[in-house]
């Protein structure tokens, strides 16, 4: 790692044209396992390119492509202008990290500067930096704070070199949530009213003064990514608050979103994460942008729906279809499944995409720059739109006549193979199952975290795991269990100390799992086998031969 403290010169240079990267973006300090308090923005894997495209309405693919490499970035950018504002802080340390080829955080250049928190701009001039020969790509922008929970606002501009040509972007007026066009936006979000019997039953209970629970299950958007602060500006918290106001009675809140995970993992953790406070009365499921990674192409999603509909008390299930900045989601796959079960469905894509690019006179309410924090996650305003879309559904249900209850169909739409899946880990050994940990006897504490419910600090996920520590030995992990199907839940990691593991089912190599595929600490669910009939199976996991001295973590299993 090469640190370069780059300061604004005494005689300021001509800044020239610039690209917006952040504009008056809220920051909130989160406590990291090493004790530092920071807010960080990921820049790698095309995130920097896509953020610049969205923020500046750029269409020049050649120019945008230069931001994917360290060399291209340096050829375009002359300086990084950072302005921080906070009433409570004197300064905030900023750090632009170039990932290294040998080590993501260890062998690249770190551009650092202390930025006054009074709104004055500090420019990191790239020609003043001492660069590492191992720089690969822009990796992260970090803002360091003194204490957890401290807040600020930041604007970041990339000043370009004089030879670079592009149209200078202008910023829109603030979002007018009182505009008539906003009500039209909300009306478009009602993808399907569905059968309202279960929702009406929940609302009636609340209006009788009984406590009801509103729960949310999903990926990083449900976790609150992009919202600042994440625990009170995320769509689920905002929807919870607005639902209480709509019903006029307190509602219990359960939030269970984990970044980067599809319904393949969601169905495995339903009991653990959603039933912590009893069966919810209303469950919102948000996986329409995460399920591209579902290797079963919708069968896990339908199994999750069936599992939720079958819970005691018959909760109302609402499907929420969020959207990425390329106007994409999987509602064409998820929607037909929801219609098969006549579920209420809300599409944020249908709400916002038609008005992107329109001015206020033509019906535009919120731009992509205002809606998206990055290529995937909403800003605070975007999270508000999602919450309002959900509450619009609840408002429409509240004033409608109650439908007659319907039974869940016996047959499935795409497949129901996994509807009885259960989590098996150190703390939940299913009846009849037998575990021999072998040299996977340690417990991994460095885990993916997620902010649950209305709590600000992230909760480590899947702590009841089995870890093979680096150099631990060669004795394999073995699980014997009678089941129809099984999933492995494993930890992904970017650490060099982690290596691949071979998974055998009934003596045959099933798959080799490489924890570096995703590139960050992450919970991954992988289908090992499936069948319509139960049988006795043995799952054996051993370190791959080339990685025998490295680490691997089994977070658990999903067993049908």
Foldseek 3Di string as FASTA:
>chain_A
DAEWAFWADPPHDDQAAWFWQFDQAKWFWFADPVGWTKGKDWDAPLFSLQSRCQRFVDDPPVLSVLQRWPVSLLQWFQKKKKFKADPPDQWKKKWWWFQFPVGGHPQWYIYIYIHGRHGDIIIRGPVSTDTGPRGTHGTMMMITDDDGGGMMTMIMIGRTDPVDDDDHGDDDDDFDCPDPLVVVLLVLFFPALFACQLVVVQLVCVLVVHEAAEEEEEAVLLLQPQEVLRLCLRLQNLLQVVVCVVSVGHYHYWGHYYHLDALLVRLACCCVRVCPVHQGQEYEYEHFANCVVVPLQCQSVLLSVVLSCPDPPRHAYEYEYEAFLVLDTNCVSVVVQCVLQRHGYTYSSSSQVVQAPPDVVVSHRAHSSQAPSIRGYGHSVVSNSSSSSVVVSSVVSVPDDHDDDDDGDPDHDRHNQQNPWYWFFQVCHDPPKDKDLFLLADFDPPARFGQINSRSHTDGPLRRKGKNAQQSDWTKIKMKDWAFWKKWKWWADQDPLAAWKFKDKQRHTQDIDGSPPVPHTRIDIGTRDGHNHIDIMMIIITTDPVNNRGMIMGSTMIGD
